[in-house]
Amino acid sequence: MQHISSEQISAMEQRYRAAFINSLGGFKSVVLVGTANDAGATNLAIFNSLFHLGANPPLCGLIFRPDSVERHTLSNLEASGCYTINHLNESIYQQAHQTSARYPAEISEFEATGLTPAYKNGFQAPFVEESLLQFSVLFREKIQLSINNTILIIGQIQDVWIPENVQQPDGFLDLEKAGTLTCSGLDSYHQTKRLARLSYAKPDKLPDIIL
């Protein structure tokens, strides 16, 4: 097994180290975040930092890099108080990746990449029409992390749209049926293959395969 020391990590070239550390944690959620400013101009950005924070109330977190440069998604969601989360699928992952390009504020990533903004239930932020699993989120809290000046945004999930037959009787969402992709590192996109779902773990019994 290869050993890489902390000294070697510190000595890595910046982009090399970013690629290394970003892929070290394993597979991650990858989503498109849709926002709009007060004038209705849309913005779309890819994120691989979405994570679950709690189910009651339903909360999710996103990590933003330091706001030393313009962060259109961050400024839009703070001003409007809302944003959308849109899963990637095989038909849109290349367009989704392109949203990471640094477009100026006056250019919408929807228009630049050919993705379609969609509005639902009077929600101000745009969804991605081509995404097969989408949900709306209200901005609840912003926390600046002093260790590296990144920003944690906490949002409360509102309305959810999923394909038929994805939700299972116990509430579980079968994301493979939804065609949801995952990612590793900054630029590697993956389909998934489930091994099994296992029963609730108890100290006196090994888990059963339930699906």
Protein backbone atom coordinates (compact mmCIF):
# COMPACT_ATOMS: atom_id res chain seq x y z
CA MET A 1 0.00 0.00 0.00
CA GLN A 2 1.35 3.42 -0.99
CA HIS A 3 1.96 5.89 1.84
CA ILE A 4 1.59 9.64 1.31
CA SER A 5 2.70 11.77 4.25
CA SER A 6 1.26 15.08 5.44
CA GLU A 7 4.54 16.71 4.35
CA GLN A 8 4.08 15.33 0.83
CA ILE A 9 0.50 16.62 0.75
CA SER A 10 1.64 20.09 1.80
CA ALA A 11 4.31 20.07 -0.92
CA MET A 12 1.90 19.19 -3.73
CA GLU A 13 1.23 21.73 -6.48
CA GLN A 14 -2.05 23.56 -5.73
CA ARG A 15 -4.29 22.03 -8.41
CA TYR A 16 -2.74 18.59 -7.95
CA ARG A 17 -3.45 18.78 -4.21
CA ALA A 18 -7.03 19.94 -4.85
CA ALA A 19 -7.67 16.99 -7.16
CA PHE A 20 -6.10 14.58 -4.67
CA ILE A 21 -7.96 15.78 -1.58
CA ASN A 22 -11.28 16.23 -3.41
CA SER A 23 -11.24 12.60 -4.51
CA LEU A 24 -9.91 11.23 -1.20
CA GLY A 25 -13.26 11.35 0.57
CA GLY A 26 -14.96 9.03 -1.90
CA PHE A 27 -18.12 9.37 -3.94
CA LYS A 28 -20.27 12.45 -3.33
CA SER A 29 -23.60 14.00 -4.25
CA VAL A 30 -23.40 16.20 -7.32
CA VAL A 31 -26.22 18.64 -8.01
CA LEU A 32 -27.12 21.80 -9.86
CA VAL A 33 -28.17 24.76 -7.71
CA GLY A 34 -30.58 27.18 -9.35
CA THR A 35 -31.01 30.78 -8.20
CA ALA A 36 -32.29 34.11 -9.48
CA ASN A 37 -31.49 37.68 -8.49
CA ASP A 38 -33.99 40.42 -7.65
CA ALA A 39 -34.31 41.30 -11.34
CA GLY A 40 -35.13 37.70 -12.23
CA ALA A 41 -31.80 36.98 -13.92
CA THR A 42 -31.02 33.28 -13.49
CA ASN A 43 -27.88 31.52 -12.33
CA LEU A 44 -26.99 27.82 -12.31
CA ALA A 45 -23.98 26.21 -10.65
CA ILE A 46 -22.74 22.68 -10.03
CA PHE A 47 -21.92 21.62 -6.45
CA ASN A 48 -20.43 18.43 -5.01
CA SER A 49 -20.81 19.51 -1.38
CA LEU A 50 -24.50 18.87 -0.70
CA PHE A 51 -25.12 16.92 2.51
CA HIS A 52 -27.95 15.90 4.84
CA LEU A 53 -28.29 17.81 8.13
CA GLY A 54 -31.56 16.54 9.57
CA ALA A 55 -35.01 15.23 8.72
CA ASN A 56 -37.21 17.15 11.16
CA PRO A 57 -37.10 19.89 10.04
CA PRO A 58 -35.73 18.69 6.68
CA LEU A 59 -32.37 20.44 6.34
CA CYS A 60 -29.47 20.24 3.92
CA GLY A 61 -26.08 21.92 3.81
CA LEU A 62 -23.91 23.31 1.04
CA ILE A 63 -20.29 24.43 1.29
CA PHE A 64 -19.16 27.49 -0.63
CA ARG A 65 -15.57 28.45 -1.19
CA PRO A 66 -14.42 31.78 0.35
CA ASP A 67 -16.22 34.78 -1.14
CA SER A 68 -12.99 36.53 -2.11
CA VAL A 69 -14.38 36.60 -5.68
CA GLU A 70 -17.94 36.99 -6.91
CA ARG A 71 -20.15 34.06 -5.89
CA HIS A 72 -23.33 34.60 -7.90
CA THR A 73 -25.17 31.64 -6.38
CA LEU A 74 -24.35 32.75 -2.86
CA SER A 75 -25.34 36.38 -3.39
CA ASN A 76 -28.57 35.35 -5.15
CA LEU A 77 -29.74 32.93 -2.48
CA GLU A 78 -28.91 35.36 0.31
CA ALA A 79 -30.87 38.13 -1.40
CA SER A 80 -33.86 36.02 -2.47
CA GLY A 81 -33.90 33.56 0.42
CA CYS A 82 -34.41 30.56 -1.84
CA TYR A 83 -32.77 28.16 -4.27
CA THR A 84 -33.36 24.83 -5.98
CA ILE A 85 -31.45 21.55 -5.94
CA ASN A 86 -31.48 19.47 -9.11
CA HIS A 87 -29.98 15.98 -9.50
CA LEU A 88 -27.77 15.16 -12.48
CA ASN A 89 -28.52 12.38 -14.93
CA GLU A 90 -26.70 10.94 -17.92
CA SER A 91 -28.33 13.28 -20.43
CA ILE A 92 -27.17 16.52 -18.76
CA TYR A 93 -23.93 15.84 -16.86
CA GLN A 94 -21.68 17.48 -19.48
CA GLN A 95 -23.81 20.62 -19.52
CA ALA A 96 -23.89 20.56 -15.73
CA HIS A 97 -20.09 20.39 -15.58
CA GLN A 98 -19.87 23.40 -17.92
CA THR A 99 -21.71 25.56 -15.36
CA SER A 100 -18.49 25.53 -13.31
CA ALA A 101 -16.96 27.91 -15.87
CA ARG A 102 -16.62 31.47 -14.58
CA TYR A 103 -19.31 33.22 -16.58
CA PRO A 104 -19.89 36.91 -15.82
CA ALA A 105 -22.98 37.77 -13.78
CA GLU A 106 -24.91 39.01 -16.80
CA ILE A 107 -24.70 35.61 -18.56
CA SER A 108 -27.05 32.89 -17.37
CA GLU A 109 -25.56 29.41 -17.21
CA PHE A 110 -28.95 28.11 -18.33
CA GLU A 111 -28.56 29.94 -21.62
CA ALA A 112 -24.84 29.23 -21.92
CA THR A 113 -25.28 25.47 -21.50
CA GLY A 114 -28.65 24.93 -23.17
CA LEU A 115 -30.43 23.83 -20.01
CA THR A 116 -34.00 24.98 -19.43
CA PRO A 117 -35.17 27.03 -16.43
CA ALA A 118 -38.54 25.93 -15.04
CA TYR A 119 -40.69 27.59 -12.38
CA LYS A 120 -43.07 25.70 -10.08
CA ASN A 121 -45.59 26.60 -7.39
CA GLY A 122 -44.69 30.28 -7.55
CA PHE A 123 -41.15 29.60 -6.28
CA GLN A 124 -38.76 32.41 -7.24
CA ALA A 125 -35.71 30.25 -7.99
CA PRO A 126 -35.58 28.24 -11.23
CA PHE A 127 -35.48 24.46 -11.46
CA VAL A 128 -33.67 22.58 -14.22
CA GLU A 129 -36.35 21.18 -16.51
CA GLU A 130 -34.10 18.32 -17.66
CA SER A 131 -33.34 17.13 -14.12
CA LEU A 132 -35.38 14.12 -13.02
CA LEU A 133 -35.28 14.80 -9.26
CA GLN A 134 -35.66 18.32 -7.96
CA PHE A 135 -36.49 20.12 -4.73
CA SER A 136 -36.91 23.68 -3.53
CA VAL A 137 -35.02 25.06 -0.55
CA LEU A 138 -35.39 28.10 1.71
CA PHE A 139 -32.19 29.74 2.97
CA ARG A 140 -32.03 29.46 6.79
CA GLU A 141 -28.50 30.08 8.06
CA LYS A 142 -25.01 31.12 6.94
CA ILE A 143 -21.95 30.08 8.93
CA GLN A 144 -18.41 31.18 8.08
CA LEU A 145 -15.91 28.47 9.00
CA SER A 146 -12.86 30.10 10.52
CA ILE A 147 -10.51 27.21 9.73
CA ASN A 148 -10.43 28.00 5.99
CA ASN A 149 -13.01 30.78 5.42
CA THR A 150 -15.39 28.51 3.55
CA ILE A 151 -19.10 29.17 4.05
CA LEU A 152 -21.75 26.72 5.18
CA ILE A 153 -25.24 27.45 3.90
CA ILE A 154 -28.09 25.65 5.66
CA GLY A 155 -31.40 25.37 3.88
CA GLN A 156 -34.82 23.91 4.66
CA ILE A 157 -36.29 21.60 2.04
CA GLN A 158 -39.74 22.57 0.77
CA ASP A 159 -41.35 20.87 -2.23
CA VAL A 160 -39.91 17.77 -3.89
CA TRP A 161 -40.45 16.39 -7.39
CA ILE A 162 -39.45 12.79 -8.15
CA PRO A 163 -40.19 10.32 -10.96
CA GLU A 164 -42.95 7.76 -10.52
CA ASN A 165 -41.95 4.48 -8.82
CA VAL A 166 -38.82 5.96 -7.21
CA GLN A 167 -40.22 6.29 -3.68
CA GLN A 168 -40.38 2.96 -1.86
CA PRO A 169 -43.05 1.95 0.73
CA ASP A 170 -40.73 2.87 3.64
CA GLY A 171 -39.93 6.33 2.24
CA PHE A 172 -36.56 5.36 0.73
CA LEU A 173 -35.81 6.91 -2.66
CA ASP A 174 -34.32 4.53 -5.21
CA LEU A 175 -31.96 6.97 -6.89
CA GLU A 176 -30.84 4.44 -9.48
CA LYS A 177 -34.39 4.38 -10.83
CA ALA A 178 -34.23 8.16 -11.01
CA GLY A 179 -31.02 7.97 -13.05
CA THR A 180 -29.13 10.08 -10.49
CA LEU A 181 -25.37 10.30 -10.99
CA THR A 182 -22.65 10.66 -8.39
CA CYS A 183 -19.15 12.10 -8.64
CA SER A 184 -15.63 11.73 -7.33
CA GLY A 185 -13.09 14.48 -7.25
CA LEU A 186 -13.85 17.58 -9.27
CA ASP A 187 -14.55 16.16 -12.70
CA SER A 188 -15.36 12.42 -12.59
CA TYR A 189 -19.03 11.42 -12.98
CA HIS A 190 -20.41 7.97 -12.21
CA GLN A 191 -23.48 5.80 -12.48
CA THR A 192 -24.20 3.55 -9.50
CA LYS A 193 -25.01 -0.10 -8.90
CA ARG A 194 -26.56 -1.02 -5.58
CA LEU A 195 -25.24 -4.07 -3.77
CA ALA A 196 -28.12 -4.25 -1.27
CA ARG A 197 -30.19 -2.45 1.31
CA LEU A 198 -29.65 -3.84 4.78
CA SER A 199 -32.04 -4.02 7.71
CA TYR A 200 -31.69 -1.77 10.78
CA ALA A 201 -28.58 -2.78 12.70
CA LYS A 202 -29.06 -4.28 16.18
CA PRO A 203 -26.32 -5.50 18.54
CA ASP A 204 -27.76 -9.02 18.88
CA LYS A 205 -28.41 -9.78 15.20
CA LEU A 206 -26.58 -9.44 11.90
CA PRO A 207 -28.47 -7.40 9.31
CA ASP A 208 -30.69 -8.95 6.65
CA ILE A 209 -30.75 -7.99 3.00
CA ILE A 210 -34.10 -6.26 2.47
CA LEU A 211 -33.80 -5.18 -1.18
